[in-house]
PDB file of all heavy atoms in Angstrom:
ATOM      1  N   THR A   1     -30.349  -6.312 -57.156  1.00  0.00           N
ATOM      2  CA  THR A   1     -29.218  -6.888 -56.613  1.00  0.00           C
ATOM      3  C   THR A   1     -27.946  -6.003 -56.364  1.00  0.00           C
ATOM      4  O   THR A   1     -27.458  -5.965 -55.341  1.00  0.00           O
ATOM      5  CB  THR A   1     -28.630  -8.151 -57.508  1.00  0.00           C
ATOM      6  OG1 THR A   1     -29.762  -9.005 -57.772  1.00  0.00           O
ATOM      7  CG2 THR A   1     -27.600  -8.951 -56.876  1.00  0.00           C
ATOM      8  N   SER A   2     -27.699  -5.122 -57.415  1.00  0.00           N
ATOM      9  CA  SER A   2     -26.672  -4.121 -57.216  1.00  0.00           C
ATOM     10  C   SER A   2     -27.055  -3.038 -56.110  1.00  0.00           C
ATOM     11  O   SER A   2     -26.116  -2.607 -55.299  1.00  0.00           O
ATOM     12  CB  SER A   2     -26.490  -3.348 -58.481  1.00  0.00           C
ATOM     13  OG  SER A   2     -27.473  -2.746 -58.973  1.00  0.00           O
ATOM     14  N   PHE A   3     -28.350  -2.778 -56.080  1.00  0.00           N
ATOM     15  CA  PHE A   3     -28.767  -1.818 -55.027  1.00  0.00           C
ATOM     16  C   PHE A   3     -28.581  -2.319 -53.627  1.00  0.00           C
ATOM     17  O   PHE A   3     -28.154  -1.615 -52.811  1.00  0.00           O
ATOM     18  CB  PHE A   3     -30.184  -1.422 -55.270  1.00  0.00           C
ATOM     19  CG  PHE A   3     -30.752  -0.227 -54.465  1.00  0.00           C
ATOM     20  CD1 PHE A   3     -29.933   0.720 -53.951  1.00  0.00           C
ATOM     21  CD2 PHE A   3     -32.030  -0.235 -54.022  1.00  0.00           C
ATOM     22  CE1 PHE A   3     -30.371   1.786 -53.233  1.00  0.00           C
ATOM     23  CE2 PHE A   3     -32.516   0.923 -53.293  1.00  0.00           C
ATOM     24  CZ  PHE A   3     -31.686   1.813 -52.957  1.00  0.00           C
ATOM     25  N   LEU A   4     -28.809  -3.669 -53.425  1.00  0.00           N
ATOM     26  CA  LEU A   4     -28.684  -4.270 -52.165  1.00  0.00           C
ATOM     27  C   LEU A   4     -27.193  -4.292 -51.829  1.00  0.00           C
ATOM     28  O   LEU A   4     -26.862  -4.004 -50.625  1.00  0.00           O
ATOM     29  CB  LEU A   4     -29.258  -5.754 -52.279  1.00  0.00           C
ATOM     30  CG  LEU A   4     -29.045  -6.573 -50.862  1.00  0.00           C
ATOM     31  CD1 LEU A   4     -30.000  -5.934 -49.867  1.00  0.00           C
ATOM     32  CD2 LEU A   4     -29.521  -7.997 -51.196  1.00  0.00           C
ATOM     33  N   THR A   5     -26.355  -4.640 -52.714  1.00  0.00           N
ATOM     34  CA  THR A   5     -24.846  -4.685 -52.453  1.00  0.00           C
ATOM     35  C   THR A   5     -24.386  -3.196 -52.213  1.00  0.00           C
ATOM     36  O   THR A   5     -23.542  -3.114 -51.221  1.00  0.00           O
ATOM     37  CB  THR A   5     -24.097  -5.181 -53.711  1.00  0.00           C
ATOM     38  OG1 THR A   5     -24.636  -6.383 -54.211  1.00  0.00           O
ATOM     39  CG2 THR A   5     -22.590  -5.357 -53.452  1.00  0.00           C
ATOM     40  N   PHE A   6     -24.915  -2.194 -52.847  1.00  0.00           N
ATOM     41  CA  PHE A   6     -24.614  -0.788 -52.554  1.00  0.00           C
ATOM     42  C   PHE A   6     -24.933  -0.411 -51.144  1.00  0.00           C
ATOM     43  O   PHE A   6     -24.333   0.165 -50.375  1.00  0.00           O
ATOM     44  CB  PHE A   6     -25.290   0.078 -53.689  1.00  0.00           C
ATOM     45  CG  PHE A   6     -25.209   1.512 -53.288  1.00  0.00           C
ATOM     46  CD1 PHE A   6     -23.992   2.281 -53.532  1.00  0.00           C
ATOM     47  CD2 PHE A   6     -26.275   2.204 -52.725  1.00  0.00           C
ATOM     48  CE1 PHE A   6     -23.926   3.550 -53.251  1.00  0.00           C
ATOM     49  CE2 PHE A   6     -26.224   3.621 -52.463  1.00  0.00           C
ATOM     50  CZ  PHE A   6     -25.017   4.240 -52.706  1.00  0.00           C
ATOM     51  N   TYR A   7     -26.236  -0.879 -50.753  1.00  0.00           N
ATOM     52  CA  TYR A   7     -26.687  -0.610 -49.457  1.00  0.00           C
ATOM     53  C   TYR A   7     -25.724  -1.168 -48.314  1.00  0.00           C
ATOM     54  O   TYR A   7     -25.383  -0.511 -47.407  1.00  0.00           O
ATOM     55  CB  TYR A   7     -28.136  -1.102 -49.214  1.00  0.00           C
ATOM     56  CG  TYR A   7     -28.562  -1.065 -47.825  1.00  0.00           C
ATOM     57  CD1 TYR A   7     -29.069   0.123 -47.282  1.00  0.00           C
ATOM     58  CD2 TYR A   7     -28.524  -2.229 -46.963  1.00  0.00           C
ATOM     59  CE1 TYR A   7     -29.425   0.183 -45.926  1.00  0.00           C
ATOM     60  CE2 TYR A   7     -29.025  -2.176 -45.653  1.00  0.00           C
ATOM     61  CZ  TYR A   7     -29.478  -0.995 -45.182  1.00  0.00           C
ATOM     62  OH  TYR A   7     -29.858  -0.856 -43.834  1.00  0.00           O
ATOM     63  N   TYR A   8     -25.408  -2.456 -48.515  1.00  0.00           N
ATOM     64  CA  TYR A   8     -24.548  -3.010 -47.520  1.00  0.00           C
ATOM     65  C   TYR A   8     -23.143  -2.472 -47.472  1.00  0.00           C
ATOM     66  O   TYR A   8     -22.471  -2.432 -46.441  1.00  0.00           O
ATOM     67  CB  TYR A   8     -24.359  -4.584 -47.869  1.00  0.00           C
ATOM     68  CG  TYR A   8     -25.560  -5.382 -47.363  1.00  0.00           C
ATOM     69  CD1 TYR A   8     -26.262  -6.231 -48.259  1.00  0.00           C
ATOM     70  CD2 TYR A   8     -25.998  -5.282 -46.037  1.00  0.00           C
ATOM     71  CE1 TYR A   8     -27.406  -6.952 -47.784  1.00  0.00           C
ATOM     72  CE2 TYR A   8     -27.203  -5.939 -45.595  1.00  0.00           C
ATOM     73  CZ  TYR A   8     -27.785  -6.837 -46.459  1.00  0.00           C
ATOM     74  OH  TYR A   8     -28.924  -7.566 -46.057  1.00  0.00           O
ATOM     75  N   SER A   9     -22.556  -2.029 -48.606  1.00  0.00           N
ATOM     76  CA  SER A   9     -21.355  -1.361 -48.711  1.00  0.00           C
ATOM     77  C   SER A   9     -21.404  -0.031 -47.922  1.00  0.00           C
ATOM     78  O   SER A   9     -20.404   0.365 -47.241  1.00  0.00           O
ATOM     79  CB  SER A   9     -20.850  -1.032 -50.068  1.00  0.00           C
ATOM     80  OG  SER A   9     -21.601  -0.090 -50.721  1.00  0.00           O
ATOM     81  N   THR A  10     -22.526   0.758 -48.020  1.00  0.00           N
ATOM     82  CA  THR A  10     -22.664   1.957 -47.289  1.00  0.00           C
ATOM     83  C   THR A  10     -22.755   1.751 -45.790  1.00  0.00           C
ATOM     84  O   THR A  10     -22.272   2.637 -45.000  1.00  0.00           O
ATOM     85  CB  THR A  10     -23.900   2.749 -47.708  1.00  0.00           C
ATOM     86  OG1 THR A  10     -25.046   1.969 -47.574  1.00  0.00           O
ATOM     87  CG2 THR A  10     -23.839   3.100 -49.256  1.00  0.00           C
ATOM     88  N   LYS A  11     -23.241   0.625 -45.274  1.00  0.00           N
ATOM     89  CA  LYS A  11     -23.434   0.275 -44.008  1.00  0.00           C
ATOM     90  C   LYS A  11     -22.033  -0.153 -43.364  1.00  0.00           C
ATOM     91  O   LYS A  11     -21.862  -0.040 -42.146  1.00  0.00           O
ATOM     92  CB  LYS A  11     -24.521  -0.775 -43.653  1.00  0.00           C
ATOM     93  CG  LYS A  11     -25.805  -0.409 -44.170  1.00  0.00           C
ATOM     94  CD  LYS A  11     -26.383   0.824 -43.492  1.00  0.00           C
ATOM     95  CE  LYS A  11     -26.781   0.485 -42.068  1.00  0.00           C
ATOM     96  NZ  LYS A  11     -27.433   1.607 -41.350  1.00  0.00           N
ATOM     97  N   LEU A  12     -21.236  -0.788 -44.215  1.00  0.00           N
ATOM     98  CA  LEU A  12     -19.907  -1.332 -43.705  1.00  0.00           C
ATOM     99  C   LEU A  12     -18.843  -0.365 -43.800  1.00  0.00           C
ATOM    100  O   LEU A  12     -17.989  -0.334 -43.031  1.00  0.00           O
ATOM    101  CB  LEU A  12     -19.677  -2.609 -44.376  1.00  0.00           C
ATOM    102  CG  LEU A  12     -20.570  -3.815 -44.361  1.00  0.00           C
ATOM    103  CD1 LEU A  12     -20.297  -4.922 -45.199  1.00  0.00           C
ATOM    104  CD2 LEU A  12     -20.454  -4.414 -42.864  1.00  0.00           C
ATOM    105  N   VAL A  13     -18.908   0.477 -44.864  1.00  0.00           N
ATOM    106  CA  VAL A  13     -17.717   1.360 -45.207  1.00  0.00           C
ATOM    107  C   VAL A  13     -17.955   2.753 -45.010  1.00  0.00           C
ATOM    108  O   VAL A  13     -18.991   3.187 -45.394  1.00  0.00           O
ATOM    109  CB  VAL A  13     -17.278   1.033 -46.737  1.00  0.00           C
ATOM    110  CG1 VAL A  13     -15.945   1.961 -46.933  1.00  0.00           C
ATOM    111  CG2 VAL A  13     -16.937  -0.337 -46.924  1.00  0.00           C
ATOM    112  N   ASN A  14     -17.154   3.480 -44.332  1.00  0.00           N
ATOM    113  CA  ASN A  14     -17.215   4.904 -44.096  1.00  0.00           C
ATOM    114  C   ASN A  14     -16.317   5.672 -45.042  1.00  0.00           C
ATOM    115  O   ASN A  14     -15.116   5.356 -45.064  1.00  0.00           O
ATOM    116  CB  ASN A  14     -16.974   5.248 -42.611  1.00  0.00           C
ATOM    117  CG  ASN A  14     -17.967   4.710 -41.649  1.00  0.00           C
ATOM    118  OD1 ASN A  14     -19.170   4.727 -41.959  1.00  0.00           O
ATOM    119  ND2 ASN A  14     -17.569   4.262 -40.501  1.00  0.00           N
ATOM    120  N   THR A  15     -16.760   6.577 -45.731  1.00  0.00           N
ATOM    121  CA  THR A  15     -15.958   7.190 -46.886  1.00  0.00           C
ATOM    122  C   THR A  15     -15.716   8.631 -46.315  1.00  0.00           C
ATOM    123  O   THR A  15     -16.672   9.375 -45.821  1.00  0.00           O
ATOM    124  CB  THR A  15     -16.597   7.260 -48.133  1.00  0.00           C
ATOM    125  OG1 THR A  15     -17.849   7.927 -48.100  1.00  0.00           O
ATOM    126  CG2 THR A  15     -16.757   5.885 -48.685  1.00  0.00           C
ATOM    127  N   PRO A  16     -14.513   9.218 -46.482  1.00  0.00           N
ATOM    128  CA  PRO A  16     -14.272  10.558 -46.071  1.00  0.00           C
ATOM    129  C   PRO A  16     -14.876  11.709 -46.965  1.00  0.00           C
ATOM    130  O   PRO A  16     -14.826  12.811 -46.624  1.00  0.00           O
ATOM    131  CB  PRO A  16     -12.710  10.654 -46.057  1.00  0.00           C
ATOM    132  CG  PRO A  16     -12.268   9.630 -47.055  1.00  0.00           C
ATOM    133  CD  PRO A  16     -13.370   8.541 -47.024  1.00  0.00           C
ATOM    134  N   ASN A  17     -15.300  11.250 -48.163  1.00  0.00           N
ATOM    135  CA  ASN A  17     -15.749  12.171 -49.155  1.00  0.00           C
ATOM    136  C   ASN A  17     -17.110  12.652 -48.672  1.00  0.00           C
ATOM    137  O   ASN A  17     -18.087  11.959 -48.706  1.00  0.00           O
ATOM    138  CB  ASN A  17     -15.818  11.493 -50.558  1.00  0.00           C
ATOM    139  CG  ASN A  17     -16.114  12.513 -51.682  1.00  0.00           C
ATOM    140  OD1 ASN A  17     -16.861  13.483 -51.453  1.00  0.00           O
ATOM    141  ND2 ASN A  17     -15.393  12.423 -52.730  1.00  0.00           N
ATOM    142  N   HIS A  18     -17.329  13.939 -48.405  1.00  0.00           N
ATOM    143  CA  HIS A  18     -18.570  14.444 -47.803  1.00  0.00           C
ATOM    144  C   HIS A  18     -19.609  14.523 -48.881  1.00  0.00           C
ATOM    145  O   HIS A  18     -20.860  14.158 -48.607  1.00  0.00           O
ATOM    146  CB  HIS A  18     -18.263  15.885 -47.239  1.00  0.00           C
ATOM    147  CG  HIS A  18     -19.492  16.455 -46.723  1.00  0.00           C
ATOM    148  ND1 HIS A  18     -20.112  15.945 -45.578  1.00  0.00           N
ATOM    149  CD2 HIS A  18     -20.292  17.529 -47.146  1.00  0.00           C
ATOM    150  CE1 HIS A  18     -21.228  16.612 -45.316  1.00  0.00           C
ATOM    151  NE2 HIS A  18     -21.296  17.581 -46.187  1.00  0.00           N
ATOM    152  N   CYS A  19     -19.281  14.892 -50.119  1.00  0.00           N
ATOM    153  CA  CYS A  19     -20.288  14.859 -51.215  1.00  0.00           C
ATOM    154  C   CYS A  19     -20.740  13.476 -51.532  1.00  0.00           C
ATOM    155  O   CYS A  19     -22.025  13.291 -51.622  1.00  0.00           O
ATOM    156  CB  CYS A  19     -19.610  15.516 -52.404  1.00  0.00           C
ATOM    157  SG  CYS A  19     -20.782  15.616 -53.816  1.00  0.00           S
ATOM    158  N   TYR A  20     -19.922  12.536 -51.562  1.00  0.00           N
ATOM    159  CA  TYR A  20     -20.354  11.154 -51.831  1.00  0.00           C
ATOM    160  C   TYR A  20     -21.175  10.596 -50.680  1.00  0.00           C
ATOM    161  O   TYR A  20     -22.199   9.844 -50.877  1.00  0.00           O
ATOM    162  CB  TYR A  20     -19.081  10.259 -52.059  1.00  0.00           C
ATOM    163  CG  TYR A  20     -19.421   8.870 -52.250  1.00  0.00           C
ATOM    164  CD1 TYR A  20     -19.947   8.428 -53.516  1.00  0.00           C
ATOM    165  CD2 TYR A  20     -19.253   7.838 -51.432  1.00  0.00           C
ATOM    166  CE1 TYR A  20     -20.282   7.182 -53.812  1.00  0.00           C
ATOM    167  CE2 TYR A  20     -19.500   6.460 -51.717  1.00  0.00           C
ATOM    168  CZ  TYR A  20     -20.023   6.127 -52.927  1.00  0.00           C
ATOM    169  OH  TYR A  20     -20.270   4.761 -53.210  1.00  0.00           O
ATOM    170  N   THR A  21     -20.854  11.001 -49.436  1.00  0.00           N
ATOM    171  CA  THR A  21     -21.622  10.589 -48.294  1.00  0.00           C
ATOM    172  C   THR A  21     -22.996  11.161 -48.380  1.00  0.00           C
ATOM    173  O   THR A  21     -24.032  10.545 -48.091  1.00  0.00           O
ATOM    174  CB  THR A  21     -21.010  11.075 -47.037  1.00  0.00           C
ATOM    175  OG1 THR A  21     -19.683  10.520 -46.916  1.00  0.00           O
ATOM    176  CG2 THR A  21     -21.738  10.488 -45.863  1.00  0.00           C
ATOM    177  N   GLN A  22     -23.223  12.367 -48.807  1.00  0.00           N
ATOM    178  CA  GLN A  22     -24.516  13.011 -48.894  1.00  0.00           C
ATOM    179  C   GLN A  22     -25.452  12.381 -50.038  1.00  0.00           C
ATOM    180  O   GLN A  22     -26.521  12.181 -49.816  1.00  0.00           O
ATOM    181  CB  GLN A  22     -24.331  14.458 -49.266  1.00  0.00           C
ATOM    182  CG  GLN A  22     -23.878  15.269 -48.093  1.00  0.00           C
ATOM    183  CD  GLN A  22     -23.967  16.814 -48.434  1.00  0.00           C
ATOM    184  OE1 GLN A  22     -23.695  17.191 -49.496  1.00  0.00           O
ATOM    185  NE2 GLN A  22     -24.265  17.615 -47.345  1.00  0.00           N
ATOM    186  N   ILE A  23     -24.687  11.901 -51.116  1.00  0.00           N
ATOM    187  CA  ILE A  23     -25.526  11.216 -52.112  1.00  0.00           C
ATOM    188  C   ILE A  23     -25.930   9.920 -51.525  1.00  0.00           C
ATOM    189  O   ILE A  23     -27.121   9.407 -51.835  1.00  0.00           O
ATOM    190  CB  ILE A  23     -24.533  11.049 -53.377  1.00  0.00           C
ATOM    191  CG1 ILE A  23     -24.119  12.359 -54.019  1.00  0.00           C
ATOM    192  CG2 ILE A  23     -25.263  10.187 -54.376  1.00  0.00           C
ATOM    193  CD1 ILE A  23     -23.239  12.356 -55.137  1.00  0.00           C
ATOM    194  N   GLN A  24     -25.081   9.203 -50.935  1.00  0.00           N
ATOM    195  CA  GLN A  24     -25.437   7.916 -50.298  1.00  0.00           C
ATOM    196  C   GLN A  24     -26.708   8.102 -49.396  1.00  0.00           C
ATOM    197  O   GLN A  24     -27.617   7.344 -49.500  1.00  0.00           O
ATOM    198  CB  GLN A  24     -24.307   7.256 -49.596  1.00  0.00           C
ATOM    199  CG  GLN A  24     -23.188   6.675 -50.414  1.00  0.00           C
ATOM    200  CD  GLN A  24     -22.045   6.205 -49.616  1.00  0.00           C
ATOM    201  OE1 GLN A  24     -21.799   6.680 -48.588  1.00  0.00           O
ATOM    202  NE2 GLN A  24     -21.353   5.219 -50.157  1.00  0.00           N
ATOM    203  N   ALA A  25     -26.614   9.125 -48.513  1.00  0.00           N
ATOM    204  CA  ALA A  25     -27.751   9.295 -47.494  1.00  0.00           C
ATOM    205  C   ALA A  25     -28.993   9.592 -48.296  1.00  0.00           C
ATOM    206  O   ALA A  25     -30.012   9.132 -47.796  1.00  0.00           O
ATOM    207  CB  ALA A  25     -27.253  10.530 -46.575  1.00  0.00           C
ATOM    208  N   ALA A  26     -28.949  10.448 -49.338  1.00  0.00           N
ATOM    209  CA  ALA A  26     -30.071  10.750 -50.033  1.00  0.00           C
ATOM    210  C   ALA A  26     -30.714   9.564 -50.707  1.00  0.00           C
ATOM    211  O   ALA A  26     -31.999   9.369 -50.772  1.00  0.00           O
ATOM    212  CB  ALA A  26     -29.840  11.813 -51.048  1.00  0.00           C
ATOM    213  N   ILE A  27     -29.939   8.713 -51.265  1.00  0.00           N
ATOM    214  CA  ILE A  27     -30.462   7.443 -51.845  1.00  0.00           C
ATOM    215  C   ILE A  27     -31.073   6.523 -50.822  1.00  0.00           C
ATOM    216  O   ILE A  27     -32.210   6.037 -51.050  1.00  0.00           O
ATOM    217  CB  ILE A  27     -29.331   6.743 -52.615  1.00  0.00           C
ATOM    218  CG1 ILE A  27     -28.853   7.627 -53.853  1.00  0.00           C
ATOM    219  CG2 ILE A  27     -29.801   5.366 -53.161  1.00  0.00           C
ATOM    220  CD1 ILE A  27     -27.670   7.077 -54.539  1.00  0.00           C
ATOM    221  N   LEU A  28     -30.267   6.261 -49.774  1.00  0.00           N
ATOM    222  CA  LEU A  28     -30.714   5.332 -48.818  1.00  0.00           C
ATOM    223  C   LEU A  28     -31.981   5.858 -47.987  1.00  0.00           C
ATOM    224  O   LEU A  28     -32.801   5.179 -47.455  1.00  0.00           O
ATOM    225  CB  LEU A  28     -29.709   5.125 -47.775  1.00  0.00           C
ATOM    226  CG  LEU A  28     -28.430   4.430 -48.408  1.00  0.00           C
ATOM    227  CD1 LEU A  28     -27.347   4.110 -47.327  1.00  0.00           C
ATOM    228  CD2 LEU A  28     -28.837   3.068 -48.990  1.00  0.00           C
ATOM    229  N   LYS A  29     -32.176   7.214 -47.988  1.00  0.00           N
ATOM    230  CA  LYS A  29     -33.378   7.823 -47.277  1.00  0.00           C
ATOM    231  C   LYS A  29     -34.664   7.467 -48.080  1.00  0.00           C
ATOM    232  O   LYS A  29     -35.648   7.609 -47.490  1.00  0.00           O
ATOM    233  CB  LYS A  29     -33.204   9.291 -47.163  1.00  0.00           C
ATOM    234  CG  LYS A  29     -34.214   9.989 -46.411  1.00  0.00           C
ATOM    235  CD  LYS A  29     -33.922  11.446 -46.149  1.00  0.00           C
ATOM    236  CE  LYS A  29     -35.009  12.226 -45.377  1.00  0.00           C
ATOM    237  NZ  LYS A  29     -34.814  13.649 -45.267  1.00  0.00           N
ATOM    238  N   HIS A  30     -34.483   7.251 -49.478  1.00  0.00           N
ATOM    239  CA  HIS A  30     -35.682   6.946 -50.234  1.00  0.00           C
ATOM    240  C   HIS A  30     -35.576   5.584 -50.786  1.00  0.00           C
ATOM    241  O   HIS A  30     -35.670   5.387 -52.147  1.00  0.00           O
ATOM    242  CB  HIS A  30     -35.797   8.027 -51.335  1.00  0.00           C
ATOM    243  CG  HIS A  30     -35.841   9.463 -50.825  1.00  0.00           C
ATOM    244  ND1 HIS A  30     -34.798  10.250 -50.523  1.00  0.00           N
ATOM    245  CD2 HIS A  30     -36.998  10.105 -50.415  1.00  0.00           C
ATOM    246  CE1 HIS A  30     -35.213  11.398 -50.128  1.00  0.00           C
ATOM    247  NE2 HIS A  30     -36.436  11.434 -50.083  1.00  0.00           N
TER     248      HIS A  30
END
C-alpha cells in the first residue's frame, strides 16, 4: 500500500532534488 502511494506521488510531484529523483527512478525501474 505504501509503495503504491509512493508510486503515485512520484508520478504527480516533481522534486528539484536530483539525488532523490535518481533514487525514485531506480526504484520505479524495478
